[in-house]
Amino acid sequence: MFETIHDAFLFVGFAAPYEHQAWIDLKTGEGYFQSDLYGDYEPLPEDIENTDRYLYVPHKSELSLGKALR
């Protein structure tokens, strides 16, 4: 499952915020990927918005990483 999470995070972070989206199925560990630039990689489940089952992978800018050190 770590590899799926890693791949999803890199996929989402590769583009500008909200151009690529990814979700992880918490029951199966499967990743679902979508791109505004290229379309769906595979059909998304109808219940993808179910936060009890699917984890939305945030863009790296949403995590406030990389702030300047003083």
PDB file of N, CA and C in Angstrom:
ATOM      1  N   MET A   1       0.824  -1.187   0.000  1.00  0.00           N
ATOM      2  CA  MET A   1       0.000   0.000   0.000  1.00  0.00           C
ATOM      3  C   MET A   1       0.874   1.258   0.000  1.00  0.00           C
ATOM      4  N   PHE A   2       2.061   1.201   0.603  1.00  0.00           N
ATOM      5  CA  PHE A   2       2.930   2.375   0.631  1.00  0.00           C
ATOM      6  C   PHE A   2       3.256   2.841  -0.780  1.00  0.00           C
ATOM      7  N   GLU A   3       3.528   1.895  -1.671  1.00  0.00           N
ATOM      8  CA  GLU A   3       3.870   2.253  -3.048  1.00  0.00           C
ATOM      9  C   GLU A   3       2.710   2.988  -3.728  1.00  0.00           C
ATOM     10  N   THR A   4       1.490   2.567  -3.466  1.00  0.00           N
ATOM     11  CA  THR A   4       0.316   3.230  -4.040  1.00  0.00           C
ATOM     12  C   THR A   4       0.184   4.648  -3.501  1.00  0.00           C
ATOM     13  N   ILE A   5       0.389   4.819  -2.209  1.00  0.00           N
ATOM     14  CA  ILE A   5       0.319   6.152  -1.606  1.00  0.00           C
ATOM     15  C   ILE A   5       1.421   7.044  -2.170  1.00  0.00           C
ATOM     16  N   HIS A   6       2.611   6.509  -2.282  1.00  0.00           N
ATOM     17  CA  HIS A   6       3.738   7.256  -2.827  1.00  0.00           C
ATOM     18  C   HIS A   6       3.464   7.676  -4.273  1.00  0.00           C
ATOM     19  N   ASP A   7       3.013   6.743  -5.094  1.00  0.00           N
ATOM     20  CA  ASP A   7       2.696   7.046  -6.489  1.00  0.00           C
ATOM     21  C   ASP A   7       1.598   8.099  -6.594  1.00  0.00           C
ATOM     22  N   ALA A   8       0.583   7.988  -5.756  1.00  0.00           N
ATOM     23  CA  ALA A   8      -0.524   8.947  -5.783  1.00  0.00           C
ATOM     24  C   ALA A   8      -0.042  10.344  -5.395  1.00  0.00           C
ATOM     25  N   PHE A   9       0.790  10.425  -4.365  1.00  0.00           N
ATOM     26  CA  PHE A   9       1.300  11.723  -3.929  1.00  0.00           C
ATOM     27  C   PHE A   9       2.155  12.368  -5.017  1.00  0.00           C
ATOM     28  N   LEU A  10       3.008  11.577  -5.681  1.00  0.00           N
ATOM     29  CA  LEU A  10       3.830  12.113  -6.770  1.00  0.00           C
ATOM     30  C   LEU A  10       2.963  12.540  -7.959  1.00  0.00           C
ATOM     31  N   PHE A  11       1.958  11.751  -8.288  1.00  0.00           N
ATOM     32  CA  PHE A  11       1.061  12.070  -9.391  1.00  0.00           C
ATOM     33  C   PHE A  11       0.342  13.389  -9.149  1.00  0.00           C
ATOM     34  N   VAL A  12      -0.212  13.551  -7.965  1.00  0.00           N
ATOM     35  CA  VAL A  12      -0.951  14.776  -7.630  1.00  0.00           C
ATOM     36  C   VAL A  12      -0.015  15.975  -7.599  1.00  0.00           C
ATOM     37  N   GLY A  13       1.173  15.813  -7.048  1.00  0.00           N
ATOM     38  CA  GLY A  13       2.120  16.911  -6.918  1.00  0.00           C
ATOM     39  C   GLY A  13       2.825  17.287  -8.206  1.00  0.00           C
ATOM     40  N   PHE A  14       2.732  16.456  -9.234  1.00  0.00           N
ATOM     41  CA  PHE A  14       3.412  16.713 -10.501  1.00  0.00           C
ATOM     42  C   PHE A  14       2.807  17.892 -11.258  1.00  0.00           C
ATOM     43  N   ALA A  15       1.541  18.159 -11.061  1.00  0.00           N
ATOM     44  CA  ALA A  15       0.837  19.229 -11.776  1.00  0.00           C
ATOM     45  C   ALA A  15       0.468  20.347 -10.805  1.00  0.00           C
ATOM     46  N   ALA A  16      -0.136  21.380 -11.349  1.00  0.00           N
ATOM     47  CA  ALA A  16      -0.644  22.468 -10.509  1.00  0.00           C
ATOM     48  C   ALA A  16      -1.764  21.929  -9.616  1.00  0.00           C
ATOM     49  N   PRO A  17      -2.009  22.585  -8.488  1.00  0.00           N
ATOM     50  CA  PRO A  17      -3.072  22.108  -7.597  1.00  0.00           C
ATOM     51  C   PRO A  17      -4.395  21.910  -8.341  1.00  0.00           C
ATOM     52  N   TYR A  18      -5.040  20.794  -8.061  1.00  0.00           N
ATOM     53  CA  TYR A  18      -6.357  20.413  -8.570  1.00  0.00           C
ATOM     54  C   TYR A  18      -6.372  20.007 -10.041  1.00  0.00           C
ATOM     55  N   GLU A  19      -5.220  19.936 -10.721  1.00  0.00           N
ATOM     56  CA  GLU A  19      -5.197  19.418 -12.094  1.00  0.00           C
ATOM     57  C   GLU A  19      -5.152  17.893 -12.096  1.00  0.00           C
ATOM     58  N   HIS A  20      -4.499  17.307 -11.109  1.00  0.00           N
ATOM     59  CA  HIS A  20      -4.469  15.853 -10.930  1.00  0.00           C
ATOM     60  C   HIS A  20      -5.077  15.541  -9.573  1.00  0.00           C
ATOM     61  N   GLN A  21      -5.900  14.510  -9.531  1.00  0.00           N
ATOM     62  CA  GLN A  21      -6.486  14.057  -8.271  1.00  0.00           C
ATOM     63  C   GLN A  21      -6.230  12.562  -8.121  1.00  0.00           C
ATOM     64  N   ALA A  22      -6.142  12.137  -6.870  1.00  0.00           N
ATOM     65  CA  ALA A  22      -5.960  10.715  -6.588  1.00  0.00           C
ATOM     66  C   ALA A  22      -6.660  10.364  -5.281  1.00  0.00           C
ATOM     67  N   TRP A  23      -7.136   9.132  -5.218  1.00  0.00           N
ATOM     68  CA  TRP A  23      -7.780   8.597  -4.029  1.00  0.00           C
ATOM     69  C   TRP A  23      -7.218   7.215  -3.772  1.00  0.00           C
ATOM     70  N   ILE A  24      -7.177   6.823  -2.510  1.00  0.00           N
ATOM     71  CA  ILE A  24      -6.750   5.487  -2.108  1.00  0.00           C
ATOM     72  C   ILE A  24      -7.944   4.786  -1.474  1.00  0.00           C
ATOM     73  N   ASP A  25      -8.245   3.588  -1.943  1.00  0.00           N
ATOM     74  CA  ASP A  25      -9.301   2.772  -1.356  1.00  0.00           C
ATOM     75  C   ASP A  25      -8.746   2.180  -0.059  1.00  0.00           C
ATOM     76  N   LEU A  26      -9.317   2.553   1.064  1.00  0.00           N
ATOM     77  CA  LEU A  26      -8.802   2.109   2.365  1.00  0.00           C
ATOM     78  C   LEU A  26      -9.046   0.633   2.626  1.00  0.00           C
ATOM     79  N   LYS A  27      -9.985   0.012   1.907  1.00  0.00           N
ATOM     80  CA  LYS A  27     -10.256  -1.418   2.098  1.00  0.00           C
ATOM     81  C   LYS A  27      -9.351  -2.296   1.241  1.00  0.00           C
ATOM     82  N   THR A  28      -9.095  -1.871   0.006  1.00  0.00           N
ATOM     83  CA  THR A  28      -8.330  -2.718  -0.912  1.00  0.00           C
ATOM     84  C   THR A  28      -6.906  -2.216  -1.153  1.00  0.00           C
ATOM     85  N   GLY A  29      -6.642  -0.938  -0.846  1.00  0.00           N
ATOM     86  CA  GLY A  29      -5.331  -0.359  -1.108  1.00  0.00           C
ATOM     87  C   GLY A  29      -5.132   0.086  -2.548  1.00  0.00           C
ATOM     88  N   GLU A  30      -6.167  -0.030  -3.361  1.00  0.00           N
ATOM     89  CA  GLU A  30      -6.074   0.352  -4.771  1.00  0.00           C
ATOM     90  C   GLU A  30      -6.098   1.873  -4.913  1.00  0.00           C
ATOM     91  N   GLY A  31      -5.350   2.386  -5.879  1.00  0.00           N
ATOM     92  CA  GLY A  31      -5.327   3.812  -6.147  1.00  0.00           C
ATOM     93  C   GLY A  31      -6.189   4.162  -7.348  1.00  0.00           C
ATOM     94  N   TYR A  32      -6.831   5.306  -7.283  1.00  0.00           N
ATOM     95  CA  TYR A  32      -7.648   5.820  -8.392  1.00  0.00           C
ATOM     96  C   TYR A  32      -7.092   7.184  -8.766  1.00  0.00           C
ATOM     97  N   PHE A  33      -6.858   7.383 -10.049  1.00  0.00           N
ATOM     98  CA  PHE A  33      -6.213   8.590 -10.541  1.00  0.00           C
ATOM     99  C   PHE A  33      -7.095   9.277 -11.576  1.00  0.00           C
ATOM    100  N   GLN A  34      -7.092  10.610 -11.528  1.00  0.00           N
ATOM    101  CA  GLN A  34      -7.851  11.410 -12.477  1.00  0.00           C
ATOM    102  C   GLN A  34      -7.024  12.640 -12.817  1.00  0.00           C
ATOM    103  N   SER A  35      -7.119  13.083 -14.063  1.00  0.00           N
ATOM    104  CA  SER A  35      -6.375  14.253 -14.499  1.00  0.00           C
ATOM    105  C   SER A  35      -7.265  15.142 -15.346  1.00  0.00           C
ATOM    106  N   ASP A  36      -7.266  16.436 -15.037  1.00  0.00           N
ATOM    107  CA  ASP A  36      -8.001  17.386 -15.870  1.00  0.00           C
ATOM    108  C   ASP A  36      -7.327  17.527 -17.229  1.00  0.00           C
ATOM    109  N   LEU A  37      -6.038  17.236 -17.297  1.00  0.00           N
ATOM    110  CA  LEU A  37      -5.284  17.362 -18.542  1.00  0.00           C
ATOM    111  C   LEU A  37      -5.448  16.143 -19.442  1.00  0.00           C
ATOM    112  N   TYR A  38      -5.536  14.954 -18.852  1.00  0.00           N
ATOM    113  CA  TYR A  38      -5.531  13.719 -19.631  1.00  0.00           C
ATOM    114  C   TYR A  38      -6.778  12.873 -19.465  1.00  0.00           C
ATOM    115  N   GLY A  39      -7.696  13.253 -18.598  1.00  0.00           N
ATOM    116  CA  GLY A  39      -8.896  12.454 -18.364  1.00  0.00           C
ATOM    117  C   GLY A  39      -8.649  11.377 -17.333  1.00  0.00           C
ATOM    118  N   ASP A  40      -9.659  10.552 -17.117  1.00  0.00           N
ATOM    119  CA  ASP A  40      -9.555   9.466 -16.140  1.00  0.00           C
ATOM    120  C   ASP A  40      -8.609   8.392 -16.647  1.00  0.00           C
ATOM    121  N   TYR A  41      -7.839   7.852 -15.751  1.00  0.00           N
ATOM    122  CA  TYR A  41      -6.976   6.733 -16.085  1.00  0.00           C
ATOM    123  C   TYR A  41      -7.787   5.445 -16.103  1.00  0.00           C
ATOM    124  N   GLU A  42      -8.778   5.384 -15.265  1.00  0.00           N
ATOM    125  CA  GLU A  42      -9.735   4.286 -15.227  1.00  0.00           C
ATOM    126  C   GLU A  42     -11.006   4.863 -14.615  1.00  0.00           C
ATOM    127  N   PRO A  43     -12.137   4.236 -14.841  1.00  0.00           N
ATOM    128  CA  PRO A  43     -13.377   4.782 -14.261  1.00  0.00           C
ATOM    129  C   PRO A  43     -13.288   4.873 -12.735  1.00  0.00           C
ATOM    130  N   LEU A  44     -13.765   5.995 -12.212  1.00  0.00           N
ATOM    131  CA  LEU A  44     -13.795   6.169 -10.754  1.00  0.00           C
ATOM    132  C   LEU A  44     -15.023   5.473 -10.195  1.00  0.00           C
ATOM    133  N   PRO A  45     -14.918   4.914  -8.992  1.00  0.00           N
ATOM    134  CA  PRO A  45     -16.099   4.319  -8.353  1.00  0.00           C
ATOM    135  C   PRO A  45     -17.177   5.388  -8.136  1.00  0.00           C
ATOM    136  N   GLU A  46     -18.413   4.976  -8.194  1.00  0.00           N
ATOM    137  CA  GLU A  46     -19.528   5.915  -8.014  1.00  0.00           C
ATOM    138  C   GLU A  46     -19.524   6.550  -6.629  1.00  0.00           C
ATOM    139  N   ASP A  47     -18.990   5.839  -5.637  1.00  0.00           N
ATOM    140  CA  ASP A  47     -18.991   6.350  -4.263  1.00  0.00           C
ATOM    141  C   ASP A  47     -17.637   6.928  -3.851  1.00  0.00           C
ATOM    142  N   ILE A  48     -16.884   7.483  -4.804  1.00  0.00           N
ATOM    143  CA  ILE A  48     -15.534   7.997  -4.535  1.00  0.00           C
ATOM    144  C   ILE A  48     -15.530   9.100  -3.465  1.00  0.00           C
ATOM    145  N   GLU A  49     -16.647   9.768  -3.287  1.00  0.00           N
ATOM    146  CA  GLU A  49     -16.748  10.833  -2.274  1.00  0.00           C
ATOM    147  C   GLU A  49     -16.962  10.290  -0.858  1.00  0.00           C
ATOM    148  N   ASN A  50     -17.084   8.984  -0.722  1.00  0.00           N
ATOM    149  CA  ASN A  50     -17.274   8.350   0.581  1.00  0.00           C
ATOM    150  C   ASN A  50     -15.955   8.379   1.353  1.00  0.00           C
ATOM    151  N   THR A  51     -15.828   9.302   2.285  1.00  0.00           N
ATOM    152  CA  THR A  51     -14.567   9.480   3.017  1.00  0.00           C
ATOM    153  C   THR A  51     -14.290   8.357   4.018  1.00  0.00           C
ATOM    154  N   ASP A  52     -15.276   7.509   4.292  1.00  0.00           N
ATOM    155  CA  ASP A  52     -15.033   6.356   5.155  1.00  0.00           C
ATOM    156  C   ASP A  52     -14.291   5.259   4.401  1.00  0.00           C
ATOM    157  N   ARG A  53     -14.387   5.281   3.084  1.00  0.00           N
ATOM    158  CA  ARG A  53     -13.738   4.232   2.280  1.00  0.00           C
ATOM    159  C   ARG A  53     -12.554   4.750   1.478  1.00  0.00           C
ATOM    160  N   TYR A  54     -12.633   5.976   0.965  1.00  0.00           N
ATOM    161  CA  TYR A  54     -11.602   6.507   0.080  1.00  0.00           C
ATOM    162  C   TYR A  54     -10.889   7.695   0.715  1.00  0.00           C
ATOM    163  N   LEU A  55      -9.573   7.677   0.621  1.00  0.00           N
ATOM    164  CA  LEU A  55      -8.754   8.763   1.145  1.00  0.00           C
ATOM    165  C   LEU A  55      -8.312   9.635  -0.019  1.00  0.00           C
ATOM    166  N   TYR A  56      -8.693  10.903   0.012  1.00  0.00           N
ATOM    167  CA  TYR A  56      -8.265  11.863  -1.008  1.00  0.00           C
ATOM    168  C   TYR A  56      -6.809  12.233  -0.739  1.00  0.00           C
ATOM    169  N   VAL A  57      -5.988  12.194  -1.767  1.00  0.00           N
ATOM    170  CA  VAL A  57      -4.567  12.521  -1.633  1.00  0.00           C
ATOM    171  C   VAL A  57      -4.388  14.004  -1.938  1.00  0.00           C
ATOM    172  N   PRO A  58      -3.941  14.798  -0.973  1.00  0.00           N
ATOM    173  CA  PRO A  58      -3.802  16.243  -1.188  1.00  0.00           C
ATOM    174  C   PRO A  58      -2.578  16.595  -2.037  1.00  0.00           C
ATOM    175  N   HIS A  59      -2.634  17.761  -2.643  1.00  0.00           N
ATOM    176  CA  HIS A  59      -1.479  18.314  -3.369  1.00  0.00           C
ATOM    177  C   HIS A  59      -0.453  18.757  -2.336  1.00  0.00           C
ATOM    178  N   LYS A  60       0.813  18.704  -2.699  1.00  0.00           N
ATOM    179  CA  LYS A  60       1.875  19.064  -1.752  1.00  0.00           C
ATOM    180  C   LYS A  60       1.734  20.491  -1.226  1.00  0.00           C
ATOM    181  N   SER A  61       1.163  21.399  -2.009  1.00  0.00           N
ATOM    182  CA  SER A  61       0.993  22.778  -1.539  1.00  0.00           C
ATOM    183  C   SER A  61      -0.092  22.876  -0.466  1.00  0.00           C
ATOM    184  N   GLU A  62      -1.007  21.911  -0.418  1.00  0.00           N
ATOM    185  CA  GLU A  62      -2.043  21.903   0.616  1.00  0.00           C
ATOM    186  C   GLU A  62      -1.490  21.493   1.975  1.00  0.00           C
ATOM    187  N   LEU A  63      -0.300  20.915   1.992  1.00  0.00           N
ATOM    188  CA  LEU A  63       0.294  20.430   3.238  1.00  0.00           C
ATOM    189  C   LEU A  63       1.228  21.439   3.885  1.00  0.00           C
ATOM    190  N   SER A  64       1.424  22.593   3.254  1.00  0.00           N
ATOM    191  CA  SER A  64       2.287  23.646   3.764  1.00  0.00           C
ATOM    192  C   SER A  64       3.713  23.147   4.001  1.00  0.00           C
ATOM    193  N   LEU A  65       4.196  22.313   3.087  1.00  0.00           N
ATOM    194  CA  LEU A  65       5.564  21.819   3.170  1.00  0.00           C
ATOM    195  C   LEU A  65       6.493  22.783   2.451  1.00  0.00           C
ATOM    196  N   GLY A  66       7.736  22.789   2.808  1.00  0.00           N
ATOM    197  CA  GLY A  66       8.722  23.580   2.089  1.00  0.00           C
ATOM    198  C   GLY A  66       8.771  25.056   2.457  1.00  0.00           C
ATOM    199  N   LYS A  67       8.292  25.393   3.635  1.00  0.00           N
ATOM    200  CA  LYS A  67       8.392  26.789   4.064  1.00  0.00           C
ATOM    201  C   LYS A  67       9.849  27.140   4.326  1.00  0.00           C
ATOM    202  N   ALA A  68      10.186  28.378   4.071  1.00  0.00           N
ATOM    203  CA  ALA A  68      11.566  28.836   4.255  1.00  0.00           C
ATOM    204  C   ALA A  68      11.986  28.754   5.724  1.00  0.00           C
ATOM    205  N   LEU A  69      13.204  28.307   5.949  1.00  0.00           N
ATOM    206  CA  LEU A  69      13.754  28.254   7.296  1.00  0.00           C
ATOM    207  C   LEU A  69      14.475  29.572   7.589  1.00  0.00           C
ATOM    208  N   ARG A  70      14.435  30.012   8.811  1.00  0.00           N
ATOM    209  CA  ARG A  70      15.108  31.264   9.174  1.00  0.00           C
ATOM    210  C   ARG A  70      16.272  30.980  10.069  1.00  0.00           C
TER     211      ARG A  70
END
